[in-house]
């Protein structure tokens, strides 16, 4: 398997499942695949977050903002 194949397999499984869970109001799978090492940040279209505390807050609020 190539690096490309590994990446596509991850996108089609773990990342897809995490995004689906976030859409359904559960941010835990998304947080589980995000880095626990500093420095870490999210530069998003809606909101940015810096550091572990910021990521936790952003992902928790995204999970709480379930799209109906």
N, C-alpha and C. Protein backbone atom coordinates (compact mmCIF):
# COMPACT_ATOMS: atom_id res chain seq x y z
N UNK A 1 0.85 -1.17 0.00
CA UNK A 1 0.00 0.00 0.00
C UNK A 1 0.90 1.25 0.00
N UNK A 2 0.56 2.25 -0.78
CA UNK A 2 1.34 3.48 -0.85
C UNK A 2 0.87 4.46 0.21
N UNK A 3 1.64 5.53 0.40
CA UNK A 3 1.22 6.58 1.33
C UNK A 3 -0.13 7.17 0.90
N UNK A 4 -0.30 7.32 -0.39
CA UNK A 4 -1.57 7.86 -0.92
C UNK A 4 -2.73 6.93 -0.57
N UNK A 5 -2.53 5.64 -0.75
CA UNK A 5 -3.57 4.66 -0.43
C UNK A 5 -3.90 4.68 1.06
N UNK A 6 -2.86 4.77 1.90
CA UNK A 6 -3.07 4.85 3.34
C UNK A 6 -3.89 6.09 3.70
N UNK A 7 -3.53 7.23 3.11
CA UNK A 7 -4.24 8.47 3.38
C UNK A 7 -5.70 8.38 2.95
N UNK A 8 -5.95 7.88 1.75
CA UNK A 8 -7.32 7.76 1.27
C UNK A 8 -8.14 6.80 2.12
N UNK A 9 -7.53 5.72 2.57
CA UNK A 9 -8.23 4.78 3.45
C UNK A 9 -8.62 5.46 4.75
N UNK A 10 -7.72 6.30 5.30
CA UNK A 10 -8.01 7.02 6.53
C UNK A 10 -9.14 8.02 6.31
N UNK A 11 -9.09 8.77 5.20
CA UNK A 11 -10.12 9.76 4.89
C UNK A 11 -11.48 9.08 4.76
N UNK A 12 -11.51 7.93 4.13
CA UNK A 12 -12.78 7.23 3.89
C UNK A 12 -13.29 6.48 5.10
N UNK A 13 -12.48 6.38 6.15
CA UNK A 13 -12.93 5.67 7.34
C UNK A 13 -12.95 6.60 8.55
N UNK A 14 -11.83 6.75 9.24
CA UNK A 14 -11.78 7.50 10.51
C UNK A 14 -12.21 8.95 10.35
N UNK A 15 -11.71 9.65 9.34
CA UNK A 15 -12.07 11.05 9.17
C UNK A 15 -13.55 11.19 8.80
N UNK A 16 -14.02 10.35 7.91
CA UNK A 16 -15.44 10.40 7.53
C UNK A 16 -16.34 10.16 8.75
N UNK A 17 -16.01 9.14 9.53
CA UNK A 17 -16.82 8.82 10.71
C UNK A 17 -16.79 9.96 11.73
N UNK A 18 -15.63 10.61 11.89
CA UNK A 18 -15.52 11.73 12.83
C UNK A 18 -16.34 12.92 12.35
N UNK A 19 -16.31 13.20 11.07
CA UNK A 19 -17.09 14.31 10.53
C UNK A 19 -18.59 14.03 10.63
N UNK A 20 -18.99 12.81 10.36
CA UNK A 20 -20.40 12.43 10.48
C UNK A 20 -20.87 12.57 11.93
N UNK A 21 -20.05 12.09 12.87
CA UNK A 21 -20.41 12.20 14.28
C UNK A 21 -20.52 13.67 14.69
N UNK A 22 -19.60 14.53 14.23
CA UNK A 22 -19.67 15.95 14.55
C UNK A 22 -20.95 16.56 14.00
N UNK A 23 -21.30 16.21 12.81
CA UNK A 23 -22.55 16.69 12.21
C UNK A 23 -23.76 16.28 13.05
N UNK A 24 -23.67 15.12 13.67
CA UNK A 24 -24.77 14.60 14.49
C UNK A 24 -24.67 15.02 15.95
N UNK A 25 -23.73 15.94 16.26
CA UNK A 25 -23.65 16.49 17.61
C UNK A 25 -22.64 15.87 18.54
N UNK A 26 -21.81 14.96 18.06
CA UNK A 26 -20.82 14.29 18.90
C UNK A 26 -19.43 14.67 18.43
N UNK A 27 -18.74 15.52 19.20
CA UNK A 27 -17.41 15.99 18.81
C UNK A 27 -16.28 15.05 19.27
N UNK A 28 -16.57 14.04 20.08
CA UNK A 28 -15.52 13.17 20.63
C UNK A 28 -14.68 12.47 19.56
N UNK A 29 -15.27 11.87 18.53
CA UNK A 29 -14.41 11.23 17.52
C UNK A 29 -13.51 12.22 16.79
N UNK A 30 -13.97 13.44 16.55
CA UNK A 30 -13.15 14.46 15.89
C UNK A 30 -11.99 14.85 16.80
N UNK A 31 -12.29 15.03 18.09
CA UNK A 31 -11.24 15.40 19.05
C UNK A 31 -10.21 14.28 19.17
N UNK A 32 -10.66 13.05 19.07
CA UNK A 32 -9.76 11.90 19.23
C UNK A 32 -8.71 11.83 18.12
N UNK A 33 -9.01 12.36 16.93
CA UNK A 33 -8.03 12.29 15.85
C UNK A 33 -7.19 13.56 15.76
N UNK A 34 -7.47 14.57 16.60
CA UNK A 34 -6.72 15.81 16.58
C UNK A 34 -5.49 15.70 17.47
N UNK A 35 -4.44 16.40 17.13
CA UNK A 35 -3.18 16.35 17.87
C UNK A 35 -3.34 16.74 19.33
N UNK A 36 -2.64 16.05 20.20
CA UNK A 36 -2.56 16.40 21.63
C UNK A 36 -1.24 17.09 21.94
N UNK A 37 -0.45 17.40 20.92
CA UNK A 37 0.85 18.04 21.09
C UNK A 37 0.75 19.53 20.77
N UNK A 38 1.42 20.35 21.58
CA UNK A 38 1.50 21.79 21.30
C UNK A 38 2.67 22.04 20.37
N UNK A 39 2.61 23.05 19.55
CA UNK A 39 1.48 23.94 19.34
C UNK A 39 0.46 23.30 18.41
N UNK A 40 -0.78 23.64 18.62
CA UNK A 40 -1.86 23.13 17.78
C UNK A 40 -2.88 24.25 17.58
N UNK A 41 -3.48 24.28 16.41
CA UNK A 41 -4.45 25.33 16.13
C UNK A 41 -5.44 24.86 15.06
N UNK A 42 -6.57 25.52 15.04
CA UNK A 42 -7.56 25.35 13.96
C UNK A 42 -7.79 26.73 13.38
N UNK A 43 -7.59 26.86 12.10
CA UNK A 43 -7.89 28.11 11.41
C UNK A 43 -9.10 27.83 10.55
N UNK A 44 -10.25 28.20 11.07
CA UNK A 44 -11.50 27.84 10.42
C UNK A 44 -12.21 29.03 9.79
N UNK A 45 -13.16 28.73 8.96
CA UNK A 45 -13.95 29.77 8.31
C UNK A 45 -14.87 30.46 9.30
N UNK A 46 -15.32 29.73 10.31
CA UNK A 46 -16.26 30.27 11.29
C UNK A 46 -15.53 30.84 12.50
N UNK A 47 -14.52 30.09 13.01
CA UNK A 47 -13.83 30.48 14.23
C UNK A 47 -12.46 29.81 14.27
N UNK A 48 -11.48 30.48 14.88
CA UNK A 48 -10.15 29.93 15.05
C UNK A 48 -9.97 29.48 16.49
N UNK A 49 -9.03 28.55 16.70
CA UNK A 49 -8.71 28.11 18.06
C UNK A 49 -7.22 27.83 18.14
N UNK A 50 -6.64 28.14 19.31
CA UNK A 50 -5.22 27.95 19.53
C UNK A 50 -5.00 27.22 20.85
N UNK A 51 -4.16 26.21 20.84
CA UNK A 51 -3.86 25.45 22.05
C UNK A 51 -4.93 24.41 22.35
N UNK A 52 -4.58 23.50 23.25
CA UNK A 52 -5.49 22.39 23.60
C UNK A 52 -6.81 22.89 24.17
N UNK A 53 -6.74 23.88 25.05
CA UNK A 53 -7.97 24.41 25.66
C UNK A 53 -8.87 25.02 24.59
N UNK A 54 -8.29 25.77 23.68
CA UNK A 54 -9.06 26.38 22.60
C UNK A 54 -9.69 25.35 21.68
N UNK A 55 -8.92 24.28 21.36
CA UNK A 55 -9.46 23.21 20.52
C UNK A 55 -10.62 22.52 21.20
N UNK A 56 -10.46 22.22 22.49
CA UNK A 56 -11.55 21.56 23.22
C UNK A 56 -12.81 22.41 23.19
N UNK A 57 -12.66 23.71 23.41
CA UNK A 57 -13.81 24.60 23.40
C UNK A 57 -14.45 24.69 22.03
N UNK A 58 -13.64 24.80 20.99
CA UNK A 58 -14.18 24.91 19.64
C UNK A 58 -14.89 23.62 19.23
N UNK A 59 -14.26 22.49 19.45
CA UNK A 59 -14.87 21.22 19.04
C UNK A 59 -16.11 20.92 19.87
N UNK A 60 -16.10 21.27 21.13
CA UNK A 60 -17.29 21.06 21.96
C UNK A 60 -18.44 21.94 21.49
N UNK A 61 -18.14 23.18 21.13
CA UNK A 61 -19.22 24.06 20.67
C UNK A 61 -19.71 23.64 19.29
N UNK A 62 -18.82 23.14 18.44
CA UNK A 62 -19.25 22.63 17.14
C UNK A 62 -20.17 21.43 17.31
N UNK A 63 -19.82 20.53 18.24
CA UNK A 63 -20.67 19.38 18.49
C UNK A 63 -22.02 19.79 19.05
N UNK A 64 -22.03 20.85 19.84
CA UNK A 64 -23.27 21.32 20.42
C UNK A 64 -24.14 22.05 19.40
N UNK A 65 -23.52 22.53 18.31
CA UNK A 65 -24.25 23.26 17.28
C UNK A 65 -24.77 22.31 16.21
N UNK A 66 -25.32 21.23 16.59
CA UNK A 66 -25.80 20.22 15.65
C UNK A 66 -26.65 20.84 14.54
N UNK A 67 -26.31 20.47 13.34
CA UNK A 67 -27.05 20.96 12.19
C UNK A 67 -28.29 20.08 12.02
N UNK A 68 -29.44 20.70 12.03
CA UNK A 68 -30.69 19.92 11.93
C UNK A 68 -31.19 19.90 10.50
